[in-house]
C-alpha atoms as a PDB file:
ATOM      1  CA  MET A   1      19.112   7.337   4.147  1.00  0.00           C
ATOM      2  CA  VAL A   2      18.450   7.825   7.854  1.00  0.00           C
ATOM      3  CA  ASP A   3      16.036   5.456   9.587  1.00  0.00           C
ATOM      4  CA  ARG A   4      13.699   7.641  11.653  1.00  0.00           C
ATOM      5  CA  ARG A   5      11.644   4.834  13.131  1.00  0.00           C
ATOM      6  CA  LYS A   6      11.046   4.984  16.872  1.00  0.00           C
ATOM      7  CA  TYR A   7      10.344   1.260  17.258  1.00  0.00           C
ATOM      8  CA  ASN A   8      12.076  -1.903  16.094  1.00  0.00           C
ATOM      9  CA  ARG A   9      10.663  -3.729  13.109  1.00  0.00           C
ATOM     10  CA  TYR A  10      10.289  -7.496  13.259  1.00  0.00           C
ATOM     11  CA  LYS A  11      10.265  -9.770  10.228  1.00  0.00           C
ATOM     12  CA  ILE A  12       7.047 -11.724  10.204  1.00  0.00           C
ATOM     13  CA  TYR A  13       4.643 -13.258   7.739  1.00  0.00           C
ATOM     14  CA  LEU A  14       0.942 -12.663   8.224  1.00  0.00           C
ATOM     15  CA  LYS A  15      -1.973 -12.554   5.823  1.00  0.00           C
ATOM     16  CA  GLY A  16      -4.315  -9.648   5.721  1.00  0.00           C
ATOM     17  CA  LYS A  17      -6.681  -7.551   3.692  1.00  0.00           C
ATOM     18  CA  ALA A  18      -6.560  -3.854   2.875  1.00  0.00           C
ATOM     19  CA  ALA A  19      -9.380  -1.580   1.755  1.00  0.00           C
ATOM     20  CA  THR A  20      -9.541   2.032   0.638  1.00  0.00           C
ATOM     21  CA  LYS A  21     -12.184   4.597   1.515  1.00  0.00           C
ATOM     22  CA  ARG A  22     -13.416   4.250  -2.091  1.00  0.00           C
ATOM     23  CA  GLY A  23     -14.256   0.583  -1.452  1.00  0.00           C
ATOM     24  CA  TYR A  24     -11.363  -1.007  -3.356  1.00  0.00           C
ATOM     25  CA  SER A  25     -10.010  -4.028  -1.411  1.00  0.00           C
ATOM     26  CA  PHE A  26      -7.117  -6.389  -1.988  1.00  0.00           C
ATOM     27  CA  PRO A  27      -5.228  -9.167  -0.146  1.00  0.00           C
ATOM     28  CA  VAL A  28      -1.884  -8.337   1.456  1.00  0.00           C
ATOM     29  CA  GLU A  29       1.001 -10.125   3.106  1.00  0.00           C
ATOM     30  CA  ILE A  30       2.538  -8.433   6.145  1.00  0.00           C
ATOM     31  CA  LEU A  31       6.332  -8.786   5.823  1.00  0.00           C
ATOM     32  CA  ASP A  32       7.482  -6.823   8.832  1.00  0.00           C
ATOM     33  CA  LEU A  33       5.810  -5.172  11.749  1.00  0.00           C
ATOM     34  CA  SER A  34       6.368  -2.713  14.570  1.00  0.00           C
ATOM     35  CA  ILE A  35       4.195  -0.991  17.130  1.00  0.00           C
ATOM     36  CA  GLU A  36       3.682   1.916  14.725  1.00  0.00           C
ATOM     37  CA  GLY A  37       3.574   0.396  11.255  1.00  0.00           C
ATOM     38  CA  ALA A  38       4.166  -2.403   8.781  1.00  0.00           C
ATOM     39  CA  LYS A  39       5.578  -3.344   5.405  1.00  0.00           C
ATOM     40  CA  LEU A  40       2.976  -4.930   3.128  1.00  0.00           C
ATOM     41  CA  ARG A  41       3.108  -6.768  -0.189  1.00  0.00           C
ATOM     42  CA  THR A  42       0.426  -7.675  -2.693  1.00  0.00           C
ATOM     43  CA  ASP A  43       0.503  -9.318  -6.090  1.00  0.00           C
ATOM     44  CA  LYS A  44      -2.538  -7.293  -7.144  1.00  0.00           C
ATOM     45  CA  ASP A  45      -2.438  -3.982  -8.963  1.00  0.00           C
ATOM     46  CA  ILE A  46      -3.044  -1.349  -6.324  1.00  0.00           C
ATOM     47  CA  PHE A  47      -4.750   1.934  -6.936  1.00  0.00           C
ATOM     48  CA  VAL A  48      -3.528   3.886  -3.925  1.00  0.00           C
ATOM     49  CA  ASP A  49      -1.262   6.859  -3.423  1.00  0.00           C
ATOM     50  CA  LYS A  50       1.250   7.906  -0.823  1.00  0.00           C
ATOM     51  CA  GLY A  51      -0.595   9.645   2.017  1.00  0.00           C
ATOM     52  CA  GLU A  52      -3.847   7.791   1.365  1.00  0.00           C
ATOM     53  CA  ILE A  53      -5.699   6.178   4.269  1.00  0.00           C
ATOM     54  CA  ILE A  54      -6.403   2.449   4.091  1.00  0.00           C
ATOM     55  CA  TYR A  55      -8.129   0.039   6.431  1.00  0.00           C
ATOM     56  CA  LEU A  56      -5.997  -2.983   7.252  1.00  0.00           C
ATOM     57  CA  SER A  57      -7.181  -6.258   8.747  1.00  0.00           C
ATOM     58  CA  MET A  58      -4.324  -8.492   9.949  1.00  0.00           C
ATOM     59  CA  GLN A  59      -4.945 -12.181  10.536  1.00  0.00           C
ATOM     60  CA  TRP A  60      -2.763 -13.158  13.484  1.00  0.00           C
ATOM     61  CA  LYS A  61      -4.177 -15.280  16.307  1.00  0.00           C
ATOM     62  CA  SER A  62      -7.306 -13.206  15.815  1.00  0.00           C
ATOM     63  CA  SER A  63      -8.248 -10.447  13.400  1.00  0.00           C
ATOM     64  CA  ILE A  64      -6.805  -7.008  14.234  1.00  0.00           C
ATOM     65  CA  LYS A  65      -8.136  -3.955  12.433  1.00  0.00           C
ATOM     66  CA  VAL A  66      -6.215  -0.722  12.046  1.00  0.00           C
ATOM     67  CA  GLU A  67      -6.597   2.473  10.060  1.00  0.00           C
ATOM     68  CA  SER A  68      -3.279   3.226   8.356  1.00  0.00           C
ATOM     69  CA  GLU A  69      -1.586   5.873   6.234  1.00  0.00           C
ATOM     70  CA  ILE A  70       0.481   4.822   3.220  1.00  0.00           C
ATOM     71  CA  ARG A  71       3.996   6.236   3.680  1.00  0.00           C
ATOM     72  CA  TRP A  72       5.758   4.788   0.607  1.00  0.00           C
ATOM     73  CA  ILE A  73       5.026   2.563  -2.393  1.00  0.00           C
ATOM     74  CA  GLU A  74       7.373   0.394  -4.503  1.00  0.00           C
ATOM     75  CA  GLN A  75       5.735  -0.952  -7.624  1.00  0.00           C
ATOM     76  CA  GLU A  76       7.413  -3.915  -9.295  1.00  0.00           C
ATOM     77  CA  LYS A  77       6.524  -6.191 -12.184  1.00  0.00           C
ATOM     78  CA  PHE A  78       4.836  -8.990 -10.222  1.00  0.00           C
ATOM     79  CA  ASN A  79       4.126  -7.431  -6.833  1.00  0.00           C
ATOM     80  CA  ASN A  80       3.814  -4.154  -5.030  1.00  0.00           C
ATOM     81  CA  GLN A  81       5.234  -3.326  -1.630  1.00  0.00           C
ATOM     82  CA  PHE A  82       4.264  -0.425   0.557  1.00  0.00           C
ATOM     83  CA  GLY A  83       4.785   0.838   4.046  1.00  0.00           C
ATOM     84  CA  VAL A  84       2.034   2.007   6.344  1.00  0.00           C
ATOM     85  CA  LYS A  85       1.931   3.930   9.575  1.00  0.00           C
ATOM     86  CA  PHE A  86      -0.801   2.922  11.993  1.00  0.00           C
ATOM     87  CA  ILE A  87      -2.951   5.912  12.886  1.00  0.00           C
ATOM     88  CA  LYS A  88      -6.081   4.550  14.533  1.00  0.00           C
ATOM     89  CA  MET A  89      -6.814   1.284  16.341  1.00  0.00           C
ATOM     90  CA  SER A  90      -9.511   0.413  18.853  1.00  0.00           C
ATOM     91  CA  LEU A  91      -8.345   0.028  22.449  1.00  0.00           C
ATOM     92  CA  GLN A  92      -9.283  -3.663  22.407  1.00  0.00           C
ATOM     93  CA  ASP A  93      -7.355  -4.333  19.174  1.00  0.00           C
ATOM     94  CA  ARG A  94      -4.389  -2.303  20.476  1.00  0.00           C
ATOM     95  CA  GLU A  95      -4.167  -4.367  23.675  1.00  0.00           C
ATOM     96  CA  ILE A  96      -4.345  -7.614  21.687  1.00  0.00           C
ATOM     97  CA  PHE A  97      -1.797  -6.324  19.151  1.00  0.00           C
ATOM     98  CA  TYR A  98       0.701  -5.283  21.862  1.00  0.00           C
ATOM     99  CA  SER A  99       0.301  -8.680  23.526  1.00  0.00           C
ATOM    100  CA  TYR A 100       0.956 -10.506  20.235  1.00  0.00           C
ATOM    101  CA  ILE A 101       4.014  -8.346  19.469  1.00  0.00           C
ATOM    102  CA  SER A 102       5.428  -8.992  22.967  1.00  0.00           C
ATOM    103  CA  ASP A 103       4.886 -12.743  22.638  1.00  0.00           C
ATOM    104  CA  TYR A 104       6.475 -12.739  19.181  1.00  0.00           C
ATOM    105  CA  VAL A 105       9.547 -10.791  20.302  1.00  0.00           C
ATOM    106  CA  LEU A 106      10.078 -13.084  23.282  1.00  0.00           C
ATOM    107  CA  SER A 107       9.736 -16.173  21.094  1.00  0.00           C
ATOM    108  CA  GLN A 108      12.418 -14.800  18.740  1.00  0.00           C
ATOM    109  CA  ALA A 109      14.866 -13.853  21.515  1.00  0.00           C
ATOM    110  CA  SER A 110      18.080 -15.785  21.709  1.00  0.00           C
ATOM    111  CA  ASP A 111      18.479 -18.347  24.481  1.00  0.00           C
ATOM    112  CA  ILE A 112      21.396 -16.270  25.757  1.00  0.00           C
ATOM    113  CA  TYR A 113      18.922 -13.861  27.360  1.00  0.00           C
ATOM    114  CA  PHE A 114      17.387 -16.664  29.400  1.00  0.00           C
ATOM    115  CA  ARG A 115      20.535 -18.344  30.778  1.00  0.00           C
END
């Protein structure tokens, strides 16, 4: 399988909430993150399909809201994982999000870069 991502993914753990256009909402854990998308997990049964649009609220230092498209779903016995691509974010949330990602990446960098 070829990885076609344009941006690096960073392992992280954040809490969030997802909602569908039909009004169904459920808690999620954000397991990895990039500028263009994320991997999410929930222990709830999810009633979403690949290609569906969901609204995601990530709880980082502040709440960041983003409209996302479901790209893949893996359903397991006790949890479900799925990947989303970010498709719409307010300018204010985008600036905050980019700042948080930059801070996170720098905090994870090895000391060798700063010698």
